[in-house]
């Protein structure tokens, strides 16, 4: 796929990793009425799994910070306010 090679390096690399992950499920999406659409759905499900994993990690980090008596939301609000003042 030559169009992929025209993407910026980081985007190309990210897409290639996703395609490699999706390819592991080729037997499944090839049975779809439209294999291309099935492949896209598998790609979306793969991305959703990654997102859910990241959300779980963020929740765990926030919990650990709360247990250490660090008010995460206050720090985020202050940093956002400071950042917005710069613009």
C-alpha atoms as a PDB file:
ATOM      1  CA  UNK A   1       0.000   0.000   0.000  1.00  0.00           C
ATOM      2  CA  UNK A   2       1.966   2.940  -1.306  1.00  0.00           C
ATOM      3  CA  UNK A   3      -0.287   5.569   0.246  1.00  0.00           C
ATOM      4  CA  UNK A   4       0.827   4.437   3.707  1.00  0.00           C
ATOM      5  CA  UNK A   5       4.438   5.195   2.824  1.00  0.00           C
ATOM      6  CA  UNK A   6       3.460   8.823   2.165  1.00  0.00           C
ATOM      7  CA  UNK A   7       2.337   9.302   5.769  1.00  0.00           C
ATOM      8  CA  UNK A   8       4.603  10.956   8.343  1.00  0.00           C
ATOM      9  CA  UNK A   9       6.915   8.371   9.935  1.00  0.00           C
ATOM     10  CA  UNK A  10       5.187   8.221  13.331  1.00  0.00           C
ATOM     11  CA  UNK A  11       1.749   7.866  11.758  1.00  0.00           C
ATOM     12  CA  UNK A  12       2.972   5.240   9.319  1.00  0.00           C
ATOM     13  CA  UNK A  13       4.573   3.269  12.144  1.00  0.00           C
ATOM     14  CA  UNK A  14       1.433   3.483  14.271  1.00  0.00           C
ATOM     15  CA  UNK A  15      -0.778   2.369  11.392  1.00  0.00           C
ATOM     16  CA  UNK A  16       1.540  -0.509  10.572  1.00  0.00           C
ATOM     17  CA  UNK A  17       1.399  -1.763  14.177  1.00  0.00           C
ATOM     18  CA  UNK A  18      -2.393  -1.566  14.087  1.00  0.00           C
ATOM     19  CA  UNK A  19      -2.534  -3.444  10.777  1.00  0.00           C
ATOM     20  CA  UNK A  20      -0.227  -6.115  12.196  1.00  0.00           C
ATOM     21  CA  UNK A  21      -2.554  -6.532  15.203  1.00  0.00           C
ATOM     22  CA  UNK A  22      -5.641  -6.657  12.991  1.00  0.00           C
ATOM     23  CA  UNK A  23      -4.033  -9.234  10.710  1.00  0.00           C
ATOM     24  CA  UNK A  24      -4.014 -11.656  13.646  1.00  0.00           C
ATOM     25  CA  UNK A  25      -7.804 -11.834  13.243  1.00  0.00           C
ATOM     26  CA  UNK A  26      -7.858 -12.274   9.475  1.00  0.00           C
ATOM     27  CA  UNK A  27      -9.685 -15.611   9.705  1.00  0.00           C
ATOM     28  CA  UNK A  28     -12.590 -13.861  11.410  1.00  0.00           C
ATOM     29  CA  UNK A  29     -13.041 -10.767   9.251  1.00  0.00           C
ATOM     30  CA  UNK A  30     -12.531 -12.688   6.015  1.00  0.00           C
ATOM     31  CA  UNK A  31     -15.812 -14.467   6.788  1.00  0.00           C
ATOM     32  CA  UNK A  32     -17.695 -11.151   6.848  1.00  0.00           C
ATOM     33  CA  UNK A  33     -19.982 -10.289   3.974  1.00  0.00           C
ATOM     34  CA  UNK A  34     -17.579  -7.433   3.218  1.00  0.00           C
ATOM     35  CA  UNK A  35     -14.078  -8.347   4.423  1.00  0.00           C
ATOM     36  CA  UNK A  36     -12.807  -4.762   4.165  1.00  0.00           C
ATOM     37  CA  UNK A  37     -15.551  -3.507   6.445  1.00  0.00           C
ATOM     38  CA  UNK A  38     -14.919  -6.415   8.806  1.00  0.00           C
ATOM     39  CA  UNK A  39     -11.240  -5.497   8.888  1.00  0.00           C
ATOM     40  CA  UNK A  40     -12.117  -1.909   9.769  1.00  0.00           C
ATOM     41  CA  UNK A  41     -14.379  -3.079  12.618  1.00  0.00           C
ATOM     42  CA  UNK A  42     -11.622  -5.314  13.957  1.00  0.00           C
ATOM     43  CA  UNK A  43      -9.271  -2.330  13.793  1.00  0.00           C
ATOM     44  CA  UNK A  44     -11.768  -0.200  15.691  1.00  0.00           C
ATOM     45  CA  UNK A  45     -12.205  -2.922  18.318  1.00  0.00           C
ATOM     46  CA  UNK A  46      -8.422  -3.165  18.668  1.00  0.00           C
ATOM     47  CA  UNK A  47      -8.163   0.595  19.154  1.00  0.00           C
ATOM     48  CA  UNK A  48     -11.022   0.470  21.663  1.00  0.00           C
ATOM     49  CA  UNK A  49      -9.156  -2.189  23.668  1.00  0.00           C
ATOM     50  CA  UNK A  50      -6.081   0.029  23.730  1.00  0.00           C
ATOM     51  CA  UNK A  51      -8.159   2.995  24.865  1.00  0.00           C
ATOM     52  CA  UNK A  52      -9.830   0.971  27.615  1.00  0.00           C
ATOM     53  CA  UNK A  53      -6.418  -0.203  28.836  1.00  0.00           C
ATOM     54  CA  UNK A  54      -5.190   3.385  28.971  1.00  0.00           C
ATOM     55  CA  UNK A  55      -8.321   4.473  30.854  1.00  0.00           C
ATOM     56  CA  UNK A  56      -7.750   1.674  33.375  1.00  0.00           C
ATOM     57  CA  UNK A  57      -4.162   2.811  33.834  1.00  0.00           C
ATOM     58  CA  UNK A  58      -5.213   6.435  34.341  1.00  0.00           C
ATOM     59  CA  UNK A  59      -7.822   5.383  36.913  1.00  0.00           C
ATOM     60  CA  UNK A  60      -5.192   3.349  38.765  1.00  0.00           C
ATOM     61  CA  UNK A  61      -2.763   6.282  38.750  1.00  0.00           C
ATOM     62  CA  UNK A  62      -5.437   8.689  39.970  1.00  0.00           C
ATOM     63  CA  UNK A  63      -6.395   6.264  42.745  1.00  0.00           C
ATOM     64  CA  UNK A  64      -2.768   5.936  43.839  1.00  0.00           C
ATOM     65  CA  UNK A  65      -2.372   9.711  43.891  1.00  0.00           C
ATOM     66  CA  UNK A  66      -5.573  10.140  45.913  1.00  0.00           C
ATOM     67  CA  UNK A  67      -4.330   7.526  48.390  1.00  0.00           C
ATOM     68  CA  UNK A  68      -1.143   9.587  48.705  1.00  0.00           C
ATOM     69  CA  UNK A  69      -3.361  12.581  49.603  1.00  0.00           C
ATOM     70  CA  UNK A  70      -2.634  14.385  46.342  1.00  0.00           C
ATOM     71  CA  UNK A  71      -5.627  16.293  44.995  1.00  0.00           C
ATOM     72  CA  UNK A  72      -5.219  15.425  41.330  1.00  0.00           C
ATOM     73  CA  UNK A  73      -8.164  17.507  40.136  1.00  0.00           C
ATOM     74  CA  UNK A  74      -6.930  20.650  41.914  1.00  0.00           C
ATOM     75  CA  UNK A  75      -3.498  20.274  40.331  1.00  0.00           C
ATOM     76  CA  UNK A  76      -4.996  19.700  36.904  1.00  0.00           C
ATOM     77  CA  UNK A  77      -7.286  22.716  37.257  1.00  0.00           C
ATOM     78  CA  UNK A  78      -4.427  24.966  38.399  1.00  0.00           C
ATOM     79  CA  UNK A  79      -2.154  23.809  35.589  1.00  0.00           C
ATOM     80  CA  UNK A  80      -4.903  24.314  33.023  1.00  0.00           C
ATOM     81  CA  UNK A  81      -5.648  27.778  34.372  1.00  0.00           C
ATOM     82  CA  UNK A  82      -1.948  28.703  34.279  1.00  0.00           C
ATOM     83  CA  UNK A  83      -1.641  27.344  30.764  1.00  0.00           C
ATOM     84  CA  UNK A  84      -4.680  29.280  29.544  1.00  0.00           C
ATOM     85  CA  UNK A  85      -3.301  32.510  31.037  1.00  0.00           C
ATOM     86  CA  UNK A  86      -0.325  32.146  28.696  1.00  0.00           C
ATOM     87  CA  UNK A  87      -2.595  32.373  25.660  1.00  0.00           C
END
